[in-house]
Amino acid sequence: MTPGDLIDYAARIGLDCIAVTDHDSMAGTEPAQARAKHHGIRFIPGIEVSTYDYEHGKKAHLQCYAPVRPGPLLSFCGEMLVRRNAAALEIIEKVAAKYPVDLETVKKCACGSAAVYKQHVAIALMNMGYSVSVFGALYSELFSTKTGWARVEPKYPDTRDAMKIIKETGGVAVLSHPGVYNNFDIIDELYGMGLDGIEVCHPRQSADDEAKAREAAKSHGLLMTGGSDFHGMSSARVNPLASRMAPEEELPRFLSRLDK
């Protein structure tokens, strides 16, 4: 979905405020912002940074809302996109040994994306009739975490390095969905580095994880955010826009922080 189409979708369902936080890219900010202005929707620019907590051995995602000086962060994330594209080349090489797929075919499916993802490979295979869905048996065979024979993970930047650069942007730093990757053990450290908030509402977090995230935010005096983690058709579960949102009671505090 293009940034403009996304904002049109937001307008149709009655949203009056939306943040767009694509992974490791802000390429969609300008067109989305222009479309939001057309609809009278408040637009919050942002980015979700893919990182790895090497001390605890797990992924961790950080969001940066409304960066004032995004340049260094975009350069930092640009390196991640280069590594992601390199991993995609390895994936395509593996898949091409069994299926008639090549880089050009996959790139057509990735048109408009800042990088090539394994979902784009799955879409190319679906277009050729090898699957009836993006996330089906074939996707699992190729890319499941434990047994996927075509899975290639890029090297992610360290969470702490990303946090330092996010703070330098002057934006709002938020730990994304800590329940998804069980990142609760890094909250104290990130708080000491200037963490501004925790994403408490998220479709992949359990009720217990949400309660734990809320408690962590309250104990540190942090903002509570939320989002639908909308990925359009590139999602393994039914997940329409605004299926989860920021806690309504927290929104004034969050918007006030952005205004400052």
C-alpha atoms as a PDB file:
ATOM      1  CA  MET A   1       0.000   0.000   0.000  1.00  0.00           C
ATOM      2  CA  THR A   2       1.421   3.398  -0.933  1.00  0.00           C
ATOM      3  CA  PRO A   3       1.748   6.074   1.775  1.00  0.00           C
ATOM      4  CA  GLY A   4      -1.062   8.054   0.145  1.00  0.00           C
ATOM      5  CA  ASP A   5      -3.331   4.995   0.003  1.00  0.00           C
ATOM      6  CA  LEU A   6      -2.611   4.344   3.672  1.00  0.00           C
ATOM      7  CA  ILE A   7      -3.740   7.844   4.645  1.00  0.00           C
ATOM      8  CA  ASP A   8      -6.863   7.538   2.462  1.00  0.00           C
ATOM      9  CA  TYR A   9      -7.620   4.298   4.340  1.00  0.00           C
ATOM     10  CA  ALA A  10      -7.127   6.109   7.666  1.00  0.00           C
ATOM     11  CA  ALA A  11      -9.549   8.828   6.570  1.00  0.00           C
ATOM     12  CA  ARG A  12     -12.197   6.273   5.536  1.00  0.00           C
ATOM     13  CA  ILE A  13     -12.203   4.681   8.991  1.00  0.00           C
ATOM     14  CA  GLY A  14     -12.347   8.051  10.748  1.00  0.00           C
ATOM     15  CA  LEU A  15      -8.850   8.475  12.175  1.00  0.00           C
ATOM     16  CA  ASP A  16      -7.910  12.059  12.968  1.00  0.00           C
ATOM     17  CA  CYS A  17      -4.293  11.347  13.937  1.00  0.00           C
ATOM     18  CA  ILE A  18      -1.823   8.785  12.610  1.00  0.00           C
ATOM     19  CA  ALA A  19       1.876   7.962  12.924  1.00  0.00           C
ATOM     20  CA  VAL A  20       3.735   6.153  10.161  1.00  0.00           C
ATOM     21  CA  THR A  21       6.764   4.234  11.443  1.00  0.00           C
ATOM     22  CA  ASP A  22       8.126   2.038   8.660  1.00  0.00           C
ATOM     23  CA  HIS A  23      11.040  -0.225   9.468  1.00  0.00           C
ATOM     24  CA  ASP A  24      14.404   1.514   9.013  1.00  0.00           C
ATOM     25  CA  SER A  25      13.048   4.043   6.512  1.00  0.00           C
ATOM     26  CA  MET A  26      11.243   7.375   6.387  1.00  0.00           C
ATOM     27  CA  ALA A  27      10.827   7.334   2.602  1.00  0.00           C
ATOM     28  CA  GLY A  28       7.038   7.399   2.935  1.00  0.00           C
ATOM     29  CA  THR A  29       6.917  10.428   5.222  1.00  0.00           C
ATOM     30  CA  GLU A  30       6.600  13.211   2.645  1.00  0.00           C
ATOM     31  CA  PRO A  31       3.778  11.701   0.533  1.00  0.00           C
ATOM     32  CA  ALA A  32       1.907  10.520   3.636  1.00  0.00           C
ATOM     33  CA  GLN A  33       2.218  13.929   5.262  1.00  0.00           C
ATOM     34  CA  ALA A  34       0.922  15.672   2.142  1.00  0.00           C
ATOM     35  CA  ARG A  35      -2.074  13.340   1.937  1.00  0.00           C
ATOM     36  CA  ALA A  36      -2.804  13.731   5.649  1.00  0.00           C
ATOM     37  CA  LYS A  37      -2.914  17.507   5.215  1.00  0.00           C
ATOM     38  CA  HIS A  38      -5.447  17.031   2.400  1.00  0.00           C
ATOM     39  CA  HIS A  39      -7.714  15.038   4.741  1.00  0.00           C
ATOM     40  CA  GLY A  40      -7.147  17.237   7.792  1.00  0.00           C
ATOM     41  CA  ILE A  41      -5.488  14.366   9.688  1.00  0.00           C
ATOM     42  CA  ARG A  42      -2.689  15.099  12.138  1.00  0.00           C
ATOM     43  CA  PHE A  43       0.400  13.304  10.889  1.00  0.00           C
ATOM     44  CA  ILE A  44       3.268  12.141  13.103  1.00  0.00           C
ATOM     45  CA  PRO A  45       6.455  11.183  11.243  1.00  0.00           C
ATOM     46  CA  GLY A  46       8.527   8.373  12.657  1.00  0.00           C
ATOM     47  CA  ILE A  47      10.615   5.286  12.088  1.00  0.00           C
ATOM     48  CA  GLU A  48      10.891   1.823  13.661  1.00  0.00           C
ATOM     49  CA  VAL A  49      14.496   0.749  14.064  1.00  0.00           C
ATOM     50  CA  SER A  50      15.326  -2.964  13.819  1.00  0.00           C
ATOM     51  CA  THR A  51      17.967  -3.852  16.417  1.00  0.00           C
ATOM     52  CA  TYR A  52      19.378  -6.773  18.387  1.00  0.00           C
ATOM     53  CA  ASP A  53      20.020  -6.870  22.114  1.00  0.00           C
ATOM     54  CA  TYR A  54      23.248  -8.845  21.996  1.00  0.00           C
ATOM     55  CA  GLU A  55      23.616  -8.892  25.783  1.00  0.00           C
ATOM     56  CA  HIS A  56      20.347 -10.816  26.190  1.00  0.00           C
ATOM     57  CA  GLY A  57      20.364 -12.553  22.793  1.00  0.00           C
ATOM     58  CA  LYS A  58      17.102 -11.333  21.278  1.00  0.00           C
ATOM     59  CA  LYS A  59      15.654  -8.859  18.793  1.00  0.00           C
ATOM     60  CA  ALA A  60      14.415  -5.487  20.001  1.00  0.00           C
ATOM     61  CA  HIS A  61      12.593  -2.789  18.065  1.00  0.00           C
ATOM     62  CA  LEU A  62      12.770   0.915  18.886  1.00  0.00           C
ATOM     63  CA  GLN A  63      10.495   3.630  17.561  1.00  0.00           C
ATOM     64  CA  CYS A  64      11.491   7.232  17.067  1.00  0.00           C
ATOM     65  CA  TYR A  65       8.599   9.654  16.738  1.00  0.00           C
ATOM     66  CA  ALA A  66       8.966  13.150  15.256  1.00  0.00           C
ATOM     67  CA  PRO A  67      12.760  13.262  14.929  1.00  0.00           C
ATOM     68  CA  VAL A  68      13.997  16.855  14.642  1.00  0.00           C
ATOM     69  CA  ARG A  69      17.422  15.927  13.226  1.00  0.00           C
ATOM     70  CA  PRO A  70      16.843  12.565  11.493  1.00  0.00           C
ATOM     71  CA  GLY A  71      19.918  12.593   9.237  1.00  0.00           C
ATOM     72  CA  PRO A  72      22.335  10.480  11.343  1.00  0.00           C
ATOM     73  CA  LEU A  73      19.563   8.011  12.219  1.00  0.00           C
ATOM     74  CA  LEU A  74      18.603   7.586   8.560  1.00  0.00           C
ATOM     75  CA  SER A  75      22.259   6.912   7.714  1.00  0.00           C
ATOM     76  CA  PHE A  76      22.401   4.380  10.549  1.00  0.00           C
ATOM     77  CA  CYS A  77      19.238   2.655   9.303  1.00  0.00           C
ATOM     78  CA  GLY A  78      20.460   2.859   5.711  1.00  0.00           C
ATOM     79  CA  GLU A  79      23.264   0.479   6.631  1.00  0.00           C
ATOM     80  CA  MET A  80      20.629  -1.930   7.921  1.00  0.00           C
ATOM     81  CA  LEU A  81      18.723  -1.740   4.639  1.00  0.00           C
ATOM     82  CA  VAL A  82      21.924  -2.574   2.743  1.00  0.00           C
ATOM     83  CA  ARG A  83      22.423  -5.638   4.943  1.00  0.00           C
ATOM     84  CA  ARG A  84      18.774  -6.612   4.509  1.00  0.00           C
ATOM     85  CA  ASN A  85      19.075  -6.436   0.724  1.00  0.00           C
ATOM     86  CA  ALA A  86      22.249  -8.537   0.881  1.00  0.00           C
ATOM     87  CA  ALA A  87      20.368 -11.151   2.909  1.00  0.00           C
ATOM     88  CA  ALA A  88      17.568 -11.063   0.338  1.00  0.00           C
ATOM     89  CA  LEU A  89      20.059 -11.876  -2.418  1.00  0.00           C
ATOM     90  CA  GLU A  90      21.162 -14.951  -0.465  1.00  0.00           C
ATOM     91  CA  ILE A  91      17.526 -15.960   0.063  1.00  0.00           C
ATOM     92  CA  ILE A  92      16.728 -15.638  -3.640  1.00  0.00           C
ATOM     93  CA  GLU A  93      19.802 -17.681  -4.530  1.00  0.00           C
ATOM     94  CA  LYS A  94      18.666 -20.470  -2.196  1.00  0.00           C
ATOM     95  CA  VAL A  95      15.063 -20.410  -3.437  1.00  0.00           C
ATOM     96  CA  ALA A  96      16.155 -20.283  -7.106  1.00  0.00           C
ATOM     97  CA  ALA A  97      17.791 -23.687  -6.693  1.00  0.00           C
ATOM     98  CA  LYS A  98      14.299 -25.186  -6.455  1.00  0.00           C
ATOM     99  CA  TYR A  99      11.894 -22.613  -7.939  1.00  0.00           C
ATOM    100  CA  PRO A 100      12.080 -20.458 -11.124  1.00  0.00           C
ATOM    101  CA  VAL A 101      12.537 -17.153  -9.331  1.00  0.00           C
ATOM    102  CA  ASP A 102      15.155 -14.449  -9.815  1.00  0.00           C
ATOM    103  CA  LEU A 103      16.056 -11.039  -8.417  1.00  0.00           C
ATOM    104  CA  GLU A 104      14.222  -9.027 -11.074  1.00  0.00           C
ATOM    105  CA  THR A 105      10.992 -10.971 -10.491  1.00  0.00           C
ATOM    106  CA  VAL A 106      11.178 -10.384  -6.753  1.00  0.00           C
ATOM    107  CA  LYS A 107      12.099  -6.697  -7.124  1.00  0.00           C
ATOM    108  CA  LYS A 108       8.877  -6.142  -9.084  1.00  0.00           C
ATOM    109  CA  CYS A 109       6.986  -7.483  -6.067  1.00  0.00           C
ATOM    110  CA  ALA A 110       8.999  -5.170  -3.812  1.00  0.00           C
ATOM    111  CA  CYS A 111       8.233  -2.044  -5.850  1.00  0.00           C
ATOM    112  CA  GLY A 112       7.893   0.914  -3.485  1.00  0.00           C
ATOM    113  CA  SER A 113       9.638  -0.823  -0.587  1.00  0.00           C
ATOM    114  CA  ALA A 114      12.910   0.495   0.821  1.00  0.00           C
ATOM    115  CA  ALA A 115      14.279  -3.064   0.862  1.00  0.00           C
ATOM    116  CA  VAL A 116      13.532  -6.574  -0.378  1.00  0.00           C
ATOM    117  CA  TYR A 117      11.951  -8.786   2.275  1.00  0.00           C
ATOM    118  CA  LYS A 118      11.222 -12.495   2.362  1.00  0.00           C
ATOM    119  CA  GLN A 119       7.517 -11.635   1.954  1.00  0.00           C
ATOM    120  CA  HIS A 120       8.335 -10.307  -1.516  1.00  0.00           C
ATOM    121  CA  VAL A 121       9.890 -13.650  -2.414  1.00  0.00           C
ATOM    122  CA  ALA A 122       6.719 -15.372  -1.188  1.00  0.00           C
ATOM    123  CA  ILE A 123       4.548 -13.028  -3.279  1.00  0.00           C
ATOM    124  CA  ALA A 124       6.641 -13.802  -6.383  1.00  0.00           C
ATOM    125  CA  LEU A 125       6.167 -17.532  -5.789  1.00  0.00           C
ATOM    126  CA  MET A 126       2.436 -17.028  -5.221  1.00  0.00           C
ATOM    127  CA  ASN A 127       2.199 -15.109  -8.501  1.00  0.00           C
ATOM    128  CA  MET A 128       3.775 -18.107 -10.247  1.00  0.00           C
ATOM    129  CA  GLY A 129       1.228 -20.495  -8.782  1.00  0.00           C
ATOM    130  CA  TYR A 130       3.305 -22.226  -6.124  1.00  0.00           C
ATOM    131  CA  SER A 131       1.155 -20.964  -3.253  1.00  0.00           C
ATOM    132  CA  VAL A 132      -2.373 -19.628  -2.752  1.00  0.00           C
ATOM    133  CA  SER A 133      -1.318 -17.197  -0.023  1.00  0.00           C
ATOM    134  CA  VAL A 134       1.709 -15.213   1.075  1.00  0.00           C
ATOM    135  CA  PHE A 135       1.823 -16.860   4.493  1.00  0.00           C
ATOM    136  CA  GLY A 136       1.056 -20.509   3.914  1.00  0.00           C
ATOM    137  CA  ALA A 137       2.777 -23.875   3.926  1.00  0.00           C
ATOM    138  CA  LEU A 138       5.399 -22.764   1.408  1.00  0.00           C
ATOM    139  CA  TYR A 139       6.317 -19.676   3.434  1.00  0.00           C
ATOM    140  CA  SER A 140       6.715 -21.850   6.512  1.00  0.00           C
ATOM    141  CA  GLU A 141       8.864 -24.347   4.613  1.00  0.00           C
ATOM    142  CA  LEU A 142      11.160 -21.600   3.368  1.00  0.00           C
ATOM    143  CA  PHE A 143      11.292 -19.148   6.246  1.00  0.00           C
ATOM    144  CA  SER A 144      10.150 -20.657   9.546  1.00  0.00           C
ATOM    145  CA  THR A 145      12.475 -19.683  12.380  1.00  0.00           C
ATOM    146  CA  LYS A 146      13.726 -23.180  13.186  1.00  0.00           C
ATOM    147  CA  THR A 147      13.425 -25.202   9.990  1.00  0.00           C
ATOM    148  CA  GLY A 148      13.198 -22.726   7.096  1.00  0.00           C
ATOM    149  CA  TRP A 149      15.825 -23.845   4.594  1.00  0.00           C
ATOM    150  CA  ALA A 150      15.906 -20.480   2.786  1.00  0.00           C
ATOM    151  CA  ARG A 151      15.905 -18.227   5.863  1.00  0.00           C
ATOM    152  CA  VAL A 152      18.783 -15.738   6.066  1.00  0.00           C
ATOM    153  CA  GLU A 153      18.893 -13.175   8.871  1.00  0.00           C
ATOM    154  CA  PRO A 154      20.800  -9.928   8.323  1.00  0.00           C
ATOM    155  CA  LYS A 155      23.102  -8.678  11.051  1.00  0.00           C
ATOM    156  CA  TYR A 156      21.187  -6.160  13.157  1.00  0.00           C
ATOM    157  CA  PRO A 157      22.719  -3.137  14.903  1.00  0.00           C
ATOM    158  CA  ASP A 158      23.026  -3.192  18.669  1.00  0.00           C
ATOM    159  CA  THR A 159      20.018  -1.849  20.556  1.00  0.00           C
ATOM    160  CA  ARG A 160      22.138   0.504  22.659  1.00  0.00           C
ATOM    161  CA  ASP A 161      23.850   2.038  19.629  1.00  0.00           C
ATOM    162  CA  ALA A 162      20.450   2.653  18.056  1.00  0.00           C
ATOM    163  CA  MET A 163      19.118   4.188  21.259  1.00  0.00           C
ATOM    164  CA  LYS A 164      21.989   6.672  21.427  1.00  0.00           C
ATOM    165  CA  ILE A 165      21.388   7.847  17.855  1.00  0.00           C
ATOM    166  CA  ILE A 166      17.615   8.060  18.357  1.00  0.00           C
ATOM    167  CA  LYS A 167      18.145  10.368  21.332  1.00  0.00           C
ATOM    168  CA  GLU A 168      20.439  12.558  19.226  1.00  0.00           C
ATOM    169  CA  THR A 169      17.578  13.180  16.789  1.00  0.00           C
ATOM    170  CA  GLY A 170      15.556  15.074  19.374  1.00  0.00           C
ATOM    171  CA  GLY A 171      12.616  12.741  18.770  1.00  0.00           C
ATOM    172  CA  VAL A 172      10.567  10.618  21.165  1.00  0.00           C
ATOM    173  CA  ALA A 173      12.209   7.236  21.860  1.00  0.00           C
ATOM    174  CA  VAL A 174       9.850   4.303  22.479  1.00  0.00           C
ATOM    175  CA  LEU A 175      10.535   0.618  23.104  1.00  0.00           C
ATOM    176  CA  SER A 176       8.262  -1.239  20.684  1.00  0.00           C
ATOM    177  CA  HIS A 177       6.049  -4.138  21.829  1.00  0.00           C
ATOM    178  CA  PRO A 178       8.348  -5.523  24.592  1.00  0.00           C
ATOM    179  CA  GLY A 179       6.151  -8.587  24.962  1.00  0.00           C
ATOM    180  CA  VAL A 180       6.774  -9.760  21.380  1.00  0.00           C
ATOM    181  CA  TYR A 181      10.509 -10.324  21.915  1.00  0.00           C
ATOM    182  CA  ASN A 182      10.436 -10.359  25.740  1.00  0.00           C
ATOM    183  CA  ASN A 183      12.445  -7.159  26.062  1.00  0.00           C
ATOM    184  CA  PHE A 184      11.369  -6.303  29.586  1.00  0.00           C
ATOM    185  CA  ASP A 185      14.882  -6.968  30.918  1.00  0.00           C
ATOM    186  CA  ILE A 186      16.344  -4.021  28.989  1.00  0.00           C
ATOM    187  CA  ILE A 187      13.811  -1.383  30.064  1.00  0.00           C
ATOM    188  CA  ASP A 188      15.805  -0.151  33.070  1.00  0.00           C
ATOM    189  CA  GLU A 189      18.929   0.283  30.957  1.00  0.00           C
ATOM    190  CA  LEU A 190      17.086   2.083  28.172  1.00  0.00           C
ATOM    191  CA  TYR A 191      15.395   4.303  30.752  1.00  0.00           C
ATOM    192  CA  GLY A 192      18.848   5.342  31.943  1.00  0.00           C
ATOM    193  CA  MET A 193      19.674   6.253  28.333  1.00  0.00           C
ATOM    194  CA  GLY A 194      16.652   8.505  27.985  1.00  0.00           C
ATOM    195  CA  LEU A 195      13.789   6.227  26.941  1.00  0.00           C
ATOM    196  CA  ASP A 196      10.598   8.266  26.633  1.00  0.00           C
ATOM    197  CA  GLY A 197       7.927   5.592  26.324  1.00  0.00           C
ATOM    198  CA  ILE A 198       6.841   1.975  25.957  1.00  0.00           C
ATOM    199  CA  GLU A 199       4.431   0.571  23.376  1.00  0.00           C
ATOM    200  CA  VAL A 200       1.848  -1.098  25.588  1.00  0.00           C
ATOM    201  CA  CYS A 201      -0.972  -1.744  23.085  1.00  0.00           C
ATOM    202  CA  HIS A 202      -0.037  -4.064  20.247  1.00  0.00           C
ATOM    203  CA  PRO A 203      -1.911  -6.891  18.487  1.00  0.00           C
ATOM    204  CA  ARG A 204       0.824  -9.458  19.160  1.00  0.00           C
ATOM    205  CA  GLN A 205       1.120  -8.760  22.877  1.00  0.00           C
ATOM    206  CA  SER A 206      -0.833 -10.902  25.313  1.00  0.00           C
ATOM    207  CA  ALA A 207      -3.002  -9.345  28.004  1.00  0.00           C
ATOM    208  CA  ASP A 208      -0.354 -10.269  30.570  1.00  0.00           C
ATOM    209  CA  ASP A 209       2.402  -8.642  28.521  1.00  0.00           C
ATOM    210  CA  GLU A 210       0.306  -5.514  28.075  1.00  0.00           C
ATOM    211  CA  ALA A 211      -0.270  -5.308  31.825  1.00  0.00           C
ATOM    212  CA  LYS A 212       3.459  -5.807  32.413  1.00  0.00           C
ATOM    213  CA  ALA A 213       4.305  -3.088  29.898  1.00  0.00           C
ATOM    214  CA  ARG A 214       1.831  -0.692  31.507  1.00  0.00           C
ATOM    215  CA  GLU A 215       3.306  -1.331  34.942  1.00  0.00           C
ATOM    216  CA  ALA A 216       6.853  -0.770  33.644  1.00  0.00           C
ATOM    217  CA  ALA A 217       5.794   2.510  32.021  1.00  0.00           C
ATOM    218  CA  LYS A 218       4.038   3.688  35.184  1.00  0.00           C
ATOM    219  CA  SER A 219       6.947   2.808  37.460  1.00  0.00           C
ATOM    220  CA  HIS A 220       9.366   4.828  35.295  1.00  0.00           C
ATOM    221  CA  GLY A 221       6.968   7.664  34.485  1.00  0.00           C
ATOM    222  CA  LEU A 222       7.134   6.834  30.766  1.00  0.00           C
ATOM    223  CA  LEU A 223       4.651   7.515  27.988  1.00  0.00           C
ATOM    224  CA  MET A 224       2.361   4.663  26.960  1.00  0.00           C
ATOM    225  CA  THR A 225       1.923   4.287  23.222  1.00  0.00           C
ATOM    226  CA  GLY A 226       0.201   1.796  20.971  1.00  0.00           C
ATOM    227  CA  GLY A 227      -0.330   0.848  17.390  1.00  0.00           C
ATOM    228  CA  SER A 228      -1.870  -1.666  15.051  1.00  0.00           C
ATOM    229  CA  ASP A 229       1.487  -2.757  13.555  1.00  0.00           C
ATOM    230  CA  PHE A 230      -0.308  -2.580  10.218  1.00  0.00           C
ATOM    231  CA  HIS A 231       1.495  -4.396   7.386  1.00  0.00           C
ATOM    232  CA  GLY A 232      -1.317  -4.713   4.850  1.00  0.00           C
ATOM    233  CA  MET A 233      -1.185  -8.039   3.009  1.00  0.00           C
ATOM    234  CA  SER A 234       2.319  -8.688   4.385  1.00  0.00           C
ATOM    235  CA  SER A 235       0.960 -10.016   7.658  1.00  0.00           C
ATOM    236  CA  ALA A 236       0.366 -13.558   8.811  1.00  0.00           C
ATOM    237  CA  ARG A 237      -2.737 -12.559  10.793  1.00  0.00           C
ATOM    238  CA  VAL A 238      -5.860 -10.481  10.233  1.00  0.00           C
ATOM    239  CA  ASN A 239      -4.689  -7.050  11.292  1.00  0.00           C
ATOM    240  CA  PRO A 240      -6.542  -4.014   9.852  1.00  0.00           C
ATOM    241  CA  LEU A 241      -5.412  -0.459  10.484  1.00  0.00           C
ATOM    242  CA  ALA A 242      -6.364   0.848  13.955  1.00  0.00           C
ATOM    243  CA  SER A 243      -7.053  -2.658  15.287  1.00  0.00           C
ATOM    244  CA  ARG A 244      -4.995  -1.451  18.270  1.00  0.00           C
ATOM    245  CA  MET A 245      -4.287   2.168  19.142  1.00  0.00           C
ATOM    246  CA  ALA A 246      -2.560   4.242  21.795  1.00  0.00           C
ATOM    247  CA  PRO A 247      -4.390   4.284  25.151  1.00  0.00           C
ATOM    248  CA  GLU A 248      -6.906   7.116  24.814  1.00  0.00           C
ATOM    249  CA  GLU A 249      -6.134   8.495  28.245  1.00  0.00           C
ATOM    250  CA  GLU A 250      -2.429   8.722  27.321  1.00  0.00           C
ATOM    251  CA  LEU A 251      -2.864  10.484  23.987  1.00  0.00           C
ATOM    252  CA  PRO A 252      -2.898  14.091  25.316  1.00  0.00           C
ATOM    253  CA  ARG A 253       0.374  13.502  27.174  1.00  0.00           C
ATOM    254  CA  PHE A 254       1.981  11.924  24.115  1.00  0.00           C
ATOM    255  CA  LEU A 255       0.871  14.722  21.772  1.00  0.00           C
ATOM    256  CA  SER A 256       2.001  17.326  24.287  1.00  0.00           C
ATOM    257  CA  ARG A 257       5.444  15.708  24.380  1.00  0.00           C
ATOM    258  CA  LEU A 258       5.614  15.857  20.578  1.00  0.00           C
ATOM    259  CA  ASP A 259       4.613  19.524  20.581  1.00  0.00           C
ATOM    260  CA  LYS A 260       7.544  20.328  22.853  1.00  0.00           C
END
